[in-house]
Structure formats: C-alpha cells, structure tokens
Amino acid sequence: MSLEPLPQLLTKSDLTTRLNISLRTIENMVKAGDFPPPVRIGKYVYWSEVAVTRWRQKLFTDQENWRQ
C-alpha cells in the first residue's frame, strides 16, 4: 500500500505573503465564500496548498482563456 504525500499546509501568514493580501482580506473572502475555508488544527488554522492552487486557477480561468 503506497501513501501519497500530504499537501503542504499554509498559514494565514503564508497566504498574505504568497497572495500579497492582508489577513483581513483573507478573513473577508472566507466569510463571503470567495476563498476556501480553513481547517482548524488545535488553535491554528491552515489551508491546503492544493485548495489554494485550485482557487487561483479558477480565479484566472476566464482571463487565461480570453481571446481577442
């Protein structure tokens, strides 16, 4: 039985750096349903890198498929 590697977990701090947005913006996007909800582990919250990557792909799909 082979186990697939677990995706990297990202903190709010990681997201603010990667996406160049504030903590409040992340919180507001989650509340509005525009960003994947975090998973709570103990007192910390995390996002799967896979979920964030899928969100980014979805966000830019129309732009990348645009044809003049």
PDB file of N, CA and C in Angstrom:
ATOM      1  N   MET A   1       0.847  -1.169   0.000  1.00  0.00           N
ATOM      2  CA  MET A   1       0.000   0.000   0.000  1.00  0.00           C
ATOM      3  C   MET A   1       0.900   1.243   0.000  1.00  0.00           C
ATOM      4  N   SER A   2       0.714   2.094  -0.990  1.00  0.00           N
ATOM      5  CA  SER A   2       1.515   3.315  -1.056  1.00  0.00           C
ATOM      6  C   SER A   2       0.679   4.509  -0.612  1.00  0.00           C
ATOM      7  N   LEU A   3       1.288   5.357   0.159  1.00  0.00           N
ATOM      8  CA  LEU A   3       0.613   6.567   0.622  1.00  0.00           C
ATOM      9  C   LEU A   3       1.102   7.752  -0.179  1.00  0.00           C
ATOM     10  N   GLU A   4       0.163   8.550  -0.641  1.00  0.00           N
ATOM     11  CA  GLU A   4       0.537   9.761  -1.371  1.00  0.00           C
ATOM     12  C   GLU A   4       1.017  10.801  -0.377  1.00  0.00           C
ATOM     13  N   PRO A   5       1.968  11.639  -0.774  1.00  0.00           N
ATOM     14  CA  PRO A   5       2.428  12.672   0.155  1.00  0.00           C
ATOM     15  C   PRO A   5       1.308  13.663   0.460  1.00  0.00           C
ATOM     16  N   LEU A   6       1.272  14.138   1.679  1.00  0.00           N
ATOM     17  CA  LEU A   6       0.265  15.117   2.077  1.00  0.00           C
ATOM     18  C   LEU A   6       0.592  16.470   1.470  1.00  0.00           C
ATOM     19  N   PRO A   7      -0.439  17.250   1.114  1.00  0.00           N
ATOM     20  CA  PRO A   7      -0.164  18.581   0.575  1.00  0.00           C
ATOM     21  C   PRO A   7       0.427  19.480   1.662  1.00  0.00           C
ATOM     22  N   GLN A   8       1.179  20.467   1.242  1.00  0.00           N
ATOM     23  CA  GLN A   8       1.742  21.421   2.177  1.00  0.00           C
ATOM     24  C   GLN A   8       0.615  22.220   2.815  1.00  0.00           C
ATOM     25  N   LEU A   9       0.752  22.501   4.101  1.00  0.00           N
ATOM     26  CA  LEU A   9      -0.236  23.317   4.802  1.00  0.00           C
ATOM     27  C   LEU A   9       0.261  24.744   4.869  1.00  0.00           C
ATOM     28  N   LEU A  10      -0.646  25.682   4.612  1.00  0.00           N
ATOM     29  CA  LEU A  10      -0.312  27.103   4.604  1.00  0.00           C
ATOM     30  C   LEU A  10      -1.031  27.809   5.737  1.00  0.00           C
ATOM     31  N   THR A  11      -0.339  28.706   6.398  1.00  0.00           N
ATOM     32  CA  THR A  11      -0.932  29.522   7.461  1.00  0.00           C
ATOM     33  C   THR A  11      -1.447  30.824   6.864  1.00  0.00           C
ATOM     34  N   LYS A  12      -2.141  31.610   7.678  1.00  0.00           N
ATOM     35  CA  LYS A  12      -2.587  32.933   7.212  1.00  0.00           C
ATOM     36  C   LYS A  12      -1.380  33.774   6.809  1.00  0.00           C
ATOM     37  N   SER A  13      -0.331  33.675   7.586  1.00  0.00           N
ATOM     38  CA  SER A  13       0.890  34.426   7.271  1.00  0.00           C
ATOM     39  C   SER A  13       1.460  34.010   5.914  1.00  0.00           C
ATOM     40  N   ASP A  14       1.470  32.703   5.652  1.00  0.00           N
ATOM     41  CA  ASP A  14       1.935  32.209   4.342  1.00  0.00           C
ATOM     42  C   ASP A  14       1.087  32.803   3.219  1.00  0.00           C
ATOM     43  N   LEU A  15      -0.228  32.821   3.428  1.00  0.00           N
ATOM     44  CA  LEU A  15      -1.136  33.323   2.391  1.00  0.00           C
ATOM     45  C   LEU A  15      -0.946  34.808   2.137  1.00  0.00           C
ATOM     46  N   THR A  16      -0.746  35.587   3.202  1.00  0.00           N
ATOM     47  CA  THR A  16      -0.561  37.024   3.000  1.00  0.00           C
ATOM     48  C   THR A  16       0.680  37.286   2.164  1.00  0.00           C
ATOM     49  N   THR A  17       1.710  36.484   2.375  1.00  0.00           N
ATOM     50  CA  THR A  17       2.948  36.640   1.603  1.00  0.00           C
ATOM     51  C   THR A  17       2.762  36.177   0.168  1.00  0.00           C
ATOM     52  N   ARG A  18       2.199  34.997  -0.011  1.00  0.00           N
ATOM     53  CA  ARG A  18       2.041  34.429  -1.366  1.00  0.00           C
ATOM     54  C   ARG A  18       1.086  35.227  -2.233  1.00  0.00           C
ATOM     55  N   LEU A  19       0.005  35.705  -1.626  1.00  0.00           N
ATOM     56  CA  LEU A  19      -1.035  36.382  -2.401  1.00  0.00           C
ATOM     57  C   LEU A  19      -0.935  37.902  -2.323  1.00  0.00           C
ATOM     58  N   ASN A  20      -0.059  38.393  -1.474  1.00  0.00           N
ATOM     59  CA  ASN A  20       0.142  39.832  -1.288  1.00  0.00           C
ATOM     60  C   ASN A  20      -1.167  40.535  -0.903  1.00  0.00           C
ATOM     61  N   ILE A  21      -1.866  39.925   0.058  1.00  0.00           N
ATOM     62  CA  ILE A  21      -3.099  40.500   0.578  1.00  0.00           C
ATOM     63  C   ILE A  21      -3.041  40.465   2.107  1.00  0.00           C
ATOM     64  N   SER A  22      -3.916  41.218   2.746  1.00  0.00           N
ATOM     65  CA  SER A  22      -3.899  41.317   4.202  1.00  0.00           C
ATOM     66  C   SER A  22      -4.651  40.148   4.859  1.00  0.00           C
ATOM     67  N   LEU A  23      -4.400  39.991   6.166  1.00  0.00           N
ATOM     68  CA  LEU A  23      -5.133  38.983   6.938  1.00  0.00           C
ATOM     69  C   LEU A  23      -6.630  39.253   6.888  1.00  0.00           C
ATOM     70  N   ARG A  24      -6.997  40.518   7.010  1.00  0.00           N
ATOM     71  CA  ARG A  24      -8.414  40.878   6.986  1.00  0.00           C
ATOM     72  C   ARG A  24      -9.046  40.519   5.641  1.00  0.00           C
ATOM     73  N   THR A  25      -8.324  40.721   4.553  1.00  0.00           N
ATOM     74  CA  THR A  25      -8.857  40.371   3.235  1.00  0.00           C
ATOM     75  C   THR A  25      -9.114  38.873   3.145  1.00  0.00           C
ATOM     76  N   ILE A  26      -8.183  38.070   3.642  1.00  0.00           N
ATOM     77  CA  ILE A  26      -8.387  36.617   3.648  1.00  0.00           C
ATOM     78  C   ILE A  26      -9.637  36.272   4.457  1.00  0.00           C
ATOM     79  N   GLU A  27      -9.748  36.831   5.652  1.00  0.00           N
ATOM     80  CA  GLU A  27     -10.903  36.560   6.507  1.00  0.00           C
ATOM     81  C   GLU A  27     -12.206  36.975   5.830  1.00  0.00           C
ATOM     82  N   ASN A  28     -12.205  38.135   5.187  1.00  0.00           N
ATOM     83  CA  ASN A  28     -13.416  38.609   4.492  1.00  0.00           C
ATOM     84  C   ASN A  28     -13.764  37.713   3.312  1.00  0.00           C
ATOM     85  N   MET A  29     -12.766  37.272   2.560  1.00  0.00           N
ATOM     86  CA  MET A  29     -13.034  36.388   1.410  1.00  0.00           C
ATOM     87  C   MET A  29     -13.585  35.050   1.881  1.00  0.00           C
ATOM     88  N   VAL A  30     -13.069  34.518   2.989  1.00  0.00           N
ATOM     89  CA  VAL A  30     -13.594  33.261   3.537  1.00  0.00           C
ATOM     90  C   VAL A  30     -15.046  33.451   3.963  1.00  0.00           C
ATOM     91  N   LYS A  31     -15.336  34.544   4.691  1.00  0.00           N
ATOM     92  CA  LYS A  31     -16.711  34.818   5.140  1.00  0.00           C
ATOM     93  C   LYS A  31     -17.674  34.946   3.970  1.00  0.00           C
ATOM     94  N   ALA A  32     -17.208  35.547   2.876  1.00  0.00           N
ATOM     95  CA  ALA A  32     -18.057  35.750   1.697  1.00  0.00           C
ATOM     96  C   ALA A  32     -18.181  34.491   0.840  1.00  0.00           C
ATOM     97  N   GLY A  33     -17.393  33.462   1.147  1.00  0.00           N
ATOM     98  CA  GLY A  33     -17.429  32.238   0.350  1.00  0.00           C
ATOM     99  C   GLY A  33     -16.602  32.342  -0.915  1.00  0.00           C
ATOM    100  N   ASP A  34     -15.714  33.349  -0.989  1.00  0.00           N
ATOM    101  CA  ASP A  34     -14.885  33.556  -2.168  1.00  0.00           C
ATOM    102  C   ASP A  34     -13.507  32.916  -2.058  1.00  0.00           C
ATOM    103  N   PHE A  35     -13.232  32.271  -0.936  1.00  0.00           N
ATOM    104  CA  PHE A  35     -11.932  31.644  -0.702  1.00  0.00           C
ATOM    105  C   PHE A  35     -12.185  30.380   0.103  1.00  0.00           C
ATOM    106  N   PRO A  36     -11.383  29.341  -0.110  1.00  0.00           N
ATOM    107  CA  PRO A  36     -11.610  28.087   0.622  1.00  0.00           C
ATOM    108  C   PRO A  36     -11.554  28.302   2.139  1.00  0.00           C
ATOM    109  N   PRO A  37     -12.447  27.640   2.867  1.00  0.00           N
ATOM    110  CA  PRO A  37     -12.412  27.782   4.322  1.00  0.00           C
ATOM    111  C   PRO A  37     -11.187  27.070   4.894  1.00  0.00           C
ATOM    112  N   PRO A  38     -10.676  27.567   6.014  1.00  0.00           N
ATOM    113  CA  PRO A  38      -9.518  26.927   6.627  1.00  0.00           C
ATOM    114  C   PRO A  38      -9.924  25.668   7.391  1.00  0.00           C
ATOM    115  N   VAL A  39      -8.927  24.871   7.730  1.00  0.00           N
ATOM    116  CA  VAL A  39      -9.121  23.717   8.598  1.00  0.00           C
ATOM    117  C   VAL A  39      -8.437  24.050   9.918  1.00  0.00           C
ATOM    118  N   ARG A  40      -9.161  23.884  11.001  1.00  0.00           N
ATOM    119  CA  ARG A  40      -8.604  24.189  12.326  1.00  0.00           C
ATOM    120  C   ARG A  40      -7.933  22.941  12.874  1.00  0.00           C
ATOM    121  N   ILE A  41      -6.691  23.098  13.296  1.00  0.00           N
ATOM    122  CA  ILE A  41      -5.953  22.046  13.986  1.00  0.00           C
ATOM    123  C   ILE A  41      -5.462  22.680  15.287  1.00  0.00           C
ATOM    124  N   GLY A  42      -6.089  22.291  16.376  1.00  0.00           N
ATOM    125  CA  GLY A  42      -5.783  22.938  17.650  1.00  0.00           C
ATOM    126  C   GLY A  42      -6.242  24.383  17.602  1.00  0.00           C
ATOM    127  N   LYS A  43      -5.354  25.302  17.967  1.00  0.00           N
ATOM    128  CA  LYS A  43      -5.727  26.718  17.947  1.00  0.00           C
ATOM    129  C   LYS A  43      -5.314  27.424  16.660  1.00  0.00           C
ATOM    130  N   TYR A  44      -4.799  26.674  15.704  1.00  0.00           N
ATOM    131  CA  TYR A  44      -4.319  27.259  14.450  1.00  0.00           C
ATOM    132  C   TYR A  44      -5.214  26.863  13.283  1.00  0.00           C
ATOM    133  N   VAL A  45      -5.211  27.699  12.237  1.00  0.00           N
ATOM    134  CA  VAL A  45      -5.957  27.376  11.020  1.00  0.00           C
ATOM    135  C   VAL A  45      -4.974  27.247   9.858  1.00  0.00           C
ATOM    136  N   TYR A  46      -5.305  26.339   8.955  1.00  0.00           N
ATOM    137  CA  TYR A  46      -4.436  26.052   7.813  1.00  0.00           C
ATOM    138  C   TYR A  46      -5.260  25.895   6.549  1.00  0.00           C
ATOM    139  N   TRP A  47      -4.586  26.111   5.430  1.00  0.00           N
ATOM    140  CA  TRP A  47      -5.151  25.847   4.118  1.00  0.00           C
ATOM    141  C   TRP A  47      -4.242  24.865   3.410  1.00  0.00           C
ATOM    142  N   SER A  48      -4.823  23.953   2.674  1.00  0.00           N
ATOM    143  CA  SER A  48      -4.064  23.028   1.848  1.00  0.00           C
ATOM    144  C   SER A  48      -3.550  23.802   0.629  1.00  0.00           C
ATOM    145  N   GLU A  49      -2.311  23.583   0.286  1.00  0.00           N
ATOM    146  CA  GLU A  49      -1.768  24.231  -0.908  1.00  0.00           C
ATOM    147  C   GLU A  49      -2.561  23.830  -2.146  1.00  0.00           C
ATOM    148  N   VAL A  50      -3.085  22.618  -2.154  1.00  0.00           N
ATOM    149  CA  VAL A  50      -3.905  22.147  -3.275  1.00  0.00           C
ATOM    150  C   VAL A  50      -5.157  23.014  -3.409  1.00  0.00           C
ATOM    151  N   ALA A  51      -5.832  23.299  -2.299  1.00  0.00           N
ATOM    152  CA  ALA A  51      -7.052  24.114  -2.335  1.00  0.00           C
ATOM    153  C   ALA A  51      -6.750  25.528  -2.812  1.00  0.00           C
ATOM    154  N   VAL A  52      -5.643  26.102  -2.344  1.00  0.00           N
ATOM    155  CA  VAL A  52      -5.281  27.464  -2.746  1.00  0.00           C
ATOM    156  C   VAL A  52      -4.916  27.499  -4.227  1.00  0.00           C
ATOM    157  N   THR A  53      -4.207  26.486  -4.697  1.00  0.00           N
ATOM    158  CA  THR A  53      -3.851  26.411  -6.114  1.00  0.00           C
ATOM    159  C   THR A  53      -5.092  26.301  -6.980  1.00  0.00           C
ATOM    160  N   ARG A  54      -6.045  25.486  -6.576  1.00  0.00           N
ATOM    161  CA  ARG A  54      -7.308  25.351  -7.343  1.00  0.00           C
ATOM    162  C   ARG A  54      -8.081  26.668  -7.351  1.00  0.00           C
ATOM    163  N   TRP A  55      -8.087  27.378  -6.222  1.00  0.00           N
ATOM    164  CA  TRP A  55      -8.757  28.675  -6.151  1.00  0.00           C
ATOM    165  C   TRP A  55      -8.120  29.647  -7.139  1.00  0.00           C
ATOM    166  N   ARG A  56      -6.792  29.673  -7.172  1.00  0.00           N
ATOM    167  CA  ARG A  56      -6.088  30.585  -8.090  1.00  0.00           C
ATOM    168  C   ARG A  56      -6.385  30.222  -9.546  1.00  0.00           C
ATOM    169  N   GLN A  57      -6.396  28.932  -9.855  1.00  0.00           N
ATOM    170  CA  GLN A  57      -6.690  28.507 -11.220  1.00  0.00           C
ATOM    171  C   GLN A  57      -8.098  28.925 -11.619  1.00  0.00           C
ATOM    172  N   LYS A  58      -9.056  28.716 -10.726  1.00  0.00           N
ATOM    173  CA  LYS A  58     -10.440  29.104 -11.008  1.00  0.00           C
ATOM    174  C   LYS A  58     -10.547  30.614 -11.192  1.00  0.00           C
ATOM    175  N   LEU A  59      -9.857  31.352 -10.350  1.00  0.00           N
ATOM    176  CA  LEU A  59      -9.911  32.809 -10.393  1.00  0.00           C
ATOM    177  C   LEU A  59      -9.428  33.361 -11.734  1.00  0.00           C
ATOM    178  N   PHE A  60      -8.408  32.745 -12.307  1.00  0.00           N
ATOM    179  CA  PHE A  60      -7.797  33.270 -13.528  1.00  0.00           C
ATOM    180  C   PHE A  60      -8.197  32.527 -14.803  1.00  0.00           C
ATOM    181  N   THR A  61      -9.101  31.568 -14.710  1.00  0.00           N
ATOM    182  CA  THR A  61      -9.501  30.789 -15.883  1.00  0.00           C
ATOM    183  C   THR A  61     -10.023  31.663 -17.014  1.00  0.00           C
ATOM    184  N   ASP A  62     -10.958  32.554 -16.716  1.00  0.00           N
ATOM    185  CA  ASP A  62     -11.534  33.400 -17.768  1.00  0.00           C
ATOM    186  C   ASP A  62     -10.471  34.285 -18.408  1.00  0.00           C
ATOM    187  N   GLN A  63      -9.600  34.842 -17.605  1.00  0.00           N
ATOM    188  CA  GLN A  63      -8.545  35.703 -18.129  1.00  0.00           C
ATOM    189  C   GLN A  63      -7.598  34.922 -19.035  1.00  0.00           C
ATOM    190  N   GLU A  64      -7.220  33.737 -18.615  1.00  0.00           N
ATOM    191  CA  GLU A  64      -6.277  32.937 -19.392  1.00  0.00           C
ATOM    192  C   GLU A  64      -6.892  32.378 -20.664  1.00  0.00           C
ATOM    193  N   ASN A  65      -8.204  32.220 -20.673  1.00  0.00           N
ATOM    194  CA  ASN A  65      -8.888  31.701 -21.864  1.00  0.00           C
ATOM    195  C   ASN A  65      -9.387  32.807 -22.783  1.00  0.00           C
ATOM    196  N   TRP A  66      -9.147  34.044 -22.407  1.00  0.00           N
ATOM    197  CA  TRP A  66      -9.634  35.177 -23.186  1.00  0.00           C
ATOM    198  C   TRP A  66      -8.941  35.219 -24.539  1.00  0.00           C
ATOM    199  N   ARG A  67      -9.731  35.472 -25.537  1.00  0.00           N
ATOM    200  CA  ARG A  67      -9.208  35.621 -26.901  1.00  0.00           C
ATOM    201  C   ARG A  67      -9.775  36.928 -27.444  1.00  0.00           C
ATOM    202  N   GLN A  68      -8.930  37.689 -28.068  1.00  0.00           N
ATOM    203  CA  GLN A  68      -9.372  38.967 -28.628  1.00  0.00           C
ATOM    204  C   GLN A  68     -10.029  38.754 -29.967  1.00  0.00           C
TER     205      GLN A  68
END
